[in-house]
Protein backbone atom coordinates (compact mmCIF):
# COMPACT_ATOMS: atom_id res chain seq x y z
CA MET A 1 91.92 135.50 61.62
CA SER A 2 89.10 134.60 59.07
CA SER A 3 85.60 135.79 60.48
CA THR A 4 84.53 132.00 60.39
CA ASN A 5 87.52 131.48 63.05
CA ASN A 6 86.21 134.94 65.19
CA ALA A 7 82.59 133.06 65.12
CA ILE A 8 83.28 129.87 65.86
CA LEU A 9 85.98 130.95 68.38
CA LEU A 10 82.04 133.36 69.76
CA ILE A 11 79.94 130.08 69.78
CA ALA A 12 82.57 128.48 71.50
CA ARG A 13 82.54 131.18 74.05
CA ILE A 14 78.91 130.97 74.27
CA LEU A 15 78.64 127.14 74.98
CA LEU A 16 81.42 127.86 77.84
CA SER A 17 79.70 130.52 79.81
CA PHE A 18 76.22 128.62 79.48
CA MET A 19 77.09 126.42 82.73
CA PHE A 20 78.58 129.20 84.73
CA ILE A 21 76.20 131.59 84.38
CA LEU A 22 72.93 129.07 85.20
CA SER A 23 74.98 127.66 87.59
CA GLY A 24 76.09 130.64 89.59
CA PHE A 25 72.18 132.13 89.04
CA GLY A 26 71.09 128.74 90.76
CA LYS A 27 73.58 129.15 93.81
CA LEU A 28 72.82 132.72 94.39
CA THR A 29 68.88 131.88 94.43
CA ASP A 30 69.22 128.61 96.21
CA PRO A 31 72.31 127.87 97.98
CA ALA A 32 71.26 124.92 100.19
CA ALA A 33 72.18 122.36 98.20
CA THR A 34 75.84 124.01 97.14
CA ALA A 35 76.16 124.64 100.99
CA GLY A 36 75.34 121.64 101.71
CA MET A 37 78.28 119.98 99.39
CA ILE A 38 80.32 122.81 100.70
CA SER A 39 79.88 121.39 104.31
CA GLY A 40 80.09 117.78 103.48
CA ALA A 41 83.54 118.67 101.99
CA GLY A 42 84.83 119.76 105.65
CA LEU A 43 84.95 123.61 104.82
CA PRO A 44 83.89 126.32 107.34
CA ALA A 45 81.30 129.00 106.45
CA ALA A 46 79.38 126.56 103.68
CA THR A 47 76.63 129.17 103.12
CA LEU A 48 78.81 131.94 102.64
CA LEU A 49 81.32 130.34 100.02
CA ALA A 50 77.52 128.98 98.46
CA TYR A 51 77.06 132.55 97.65
CA LEU A 52 80.80 133.12 96.51
CA ALA A 53 80.92 130.29 94.28
CA GLY A 54 77.75 131.37 93.10
CA LEU A 55 78.91 134.99 92.14
CA PHE A 56 81.99 134.11 91.04
CA GLU A 57 80.37 131.70 88.66
CA LEU A 58 78.08 133.98 87.25
CA VAL A 59 80.28 137.00 87.13
CA THR A 60 82.86 134.67 85.23
CA GLY A 61 80.49 133.25 83.27
CA LEU A 62 79.00 136.45 81.92
CA ALA A 63 82.73 137.51 81.33
CA VAL A 64 83.79 134.55 78.98
CA LEU A 65 80.88 134.82 77.22
CA VAL A 66 81.26 138.47 76.54
CA GLY A 67 85.09 138.09 75.94
CA PHE A 68 85.75 140.71 79.15
CA GLN A 69 89.46 140.02 80.55
CA THR A 70 89.82 136.68 79.32
CA ARG A 71 92.84 136.05 80.47
CA ILE A 72 92.61 136.48 83.90
CA VAL A 73 89.14 134.56 83.76
CA GLY A 74 90.33 131.40 81.70
CA TRP A 75 93.06 130.79 84.17
CA ALA A 76 90.47 131.43 87.43
CA LEU A 77 88.10 128.94 85.90
CA ALA A 78 90.60 126.55 84.99
CA LEU A 79 91.69 126.63 88.56
CA PHE A 80 88.41 127.13 90.11
CA CYS A 81 87.47 123.88 88.23
CA VAL A 82 90.38 121.80 89.00
CA PHE A 83 89.90 122.81 92.38
CA THR A 84 86.02 122.14 92.80
CA GLY A 85 87.17 118.49 90.30
CA LEU A 86 89.54 117.21 93.06
CA VAL A 87 87.27 118.61 96.45
CA PHE A 88 84.09 117.71 95.81
CA HIS A 89 84.53 114.89 92.72
CA SER A 90 87.20 112.42 93.30
CA GLY A 91 86.25 110.34 96.13
CA THR A 92 84.36 108.06 96.74
CA VAL A 93 80.43 108.69 97.52
CA ALA A 94 79.13 106.35 100.50
CA ILE A 95 75.54 107.19 102.20
CA ASP A 96 74.45 104.93 104.80
CA GLY A 97 71.43 103.12 104.16
CA TRP A 98 71.52 103.64 100.60
CA PRO A 99 71.66 100.64 98.00
CA GLU A 100 75.00 99.22 96.60
CA GLY A 101 73.22 100.16 93.05
CA ALA A 102 72.45 103.41 93.77
CA LEU A 103 75.60 104.25 95.37
CA GLY A 104 77.45 102.65 92.17
CA TRP A 105 75.74 104.74 90.00
CA ILE A 106 76.27 107.60 92.48
CA ASN A 107 80.00 106.99 92.09
CA THR A 108 80.16 106.63 88.61
CA LEU A 109 78.64 110.20 87.96
CA ASN A 110 81.24 111.50 90.42
CA GLN A 111 84.02 110.55 88.02
CA ILE A 112 82.37 111.97 85.14
CA MET A 113 81.76 115.15 86.79
CA LEU A 114 85.11 114.85 87.97
CA MET A 115 86.37 114.05 83.94
CA LYS A 116 83.99 117.52 83.29
CA ASN A 117 86.20 119.70 85.79
CA LEU A 118 89.48 118.80 84.03
CA THR A 119 88.20 119.19 80.34
CA LEU A 120 86.81 121.88 81.09
CA ALA A 121 89.91 123.66 82.62
CA GLY A 122 91.54 122.71 79.87
CA ALA A 123 89.20 124.77 77.44
CA TYR A 124 89.66 127.59 79.88
CA ILE A 125 93.23 127.50 79.42
CA PHE A 126 93.23 127.42 75.53
CA LEU A 127 90.92 130.60 75.69
CA ALA A 128 92.99 132.27 78.40
CA THR A 129 96.18 131.42 75.91
CA PHE A 130 94.57 132.41 72.81
CA GLY A 131 91.71 134.70 73.61
CA PRO A 132 88.27 135.60 72.66
CA GLY A 133 88.37 136.13 69.15
CA ALA A 134 87.49 139.32 67.14
CA TYR A 135 83.97 139.51 68.03
CA SER A 136 84.73 140.41 72.30
CA LEU A 137 85.04 143.31 74.44
CA ASP A 138 89.01 142.49 75.16
CA ALA A 139 89.04 143.03 71.28
CA ARG A 140 87.36 146.24 71.07
CA ARG A 141 89.35 147.42 73.84
CA GLY A 142 92.48 146.54 71.98
CA ALA A 143 93.64 143.78 74.31
CA SER A 144 96.73 142.45 72.48
CA PHE A 145 95.78 139.00 72.51
CA ALA A 146 92.39 138.79 71.56
CA THR A 147 92.54 137.81 68.27
CA ALA A 148 95.87 135.99 68.32
């Protein structure tokens, strides 16, 4: 693979890691909003799950950034994106007392978030399948698919 393609893969990994590093850090430092979403979805132990989600996002985001265990992390993030998209963004939002226009805007945003999650799942499957490129820890470790 050319050095240009490896540089492009590095840029792609940086872009794919950015959201999860920031989101994970945010959940770890202030889990309240995430715990509220988790509770609203009917899941138990909302605060604990918010912290676990934050830790998962931060660790996997950093792994994508440096290209470490890319196959495992790529599949884990793809599944996470599909799960969170379906559980938290696939339904209609109805908040008592909110004006209809505001609910329409929130529901449109929710649909966009579902599409974003599913699109990211595809990107992580691609990363897991084709590897992180030569500028990665996987390549330095000699992972056979790192530079496929």
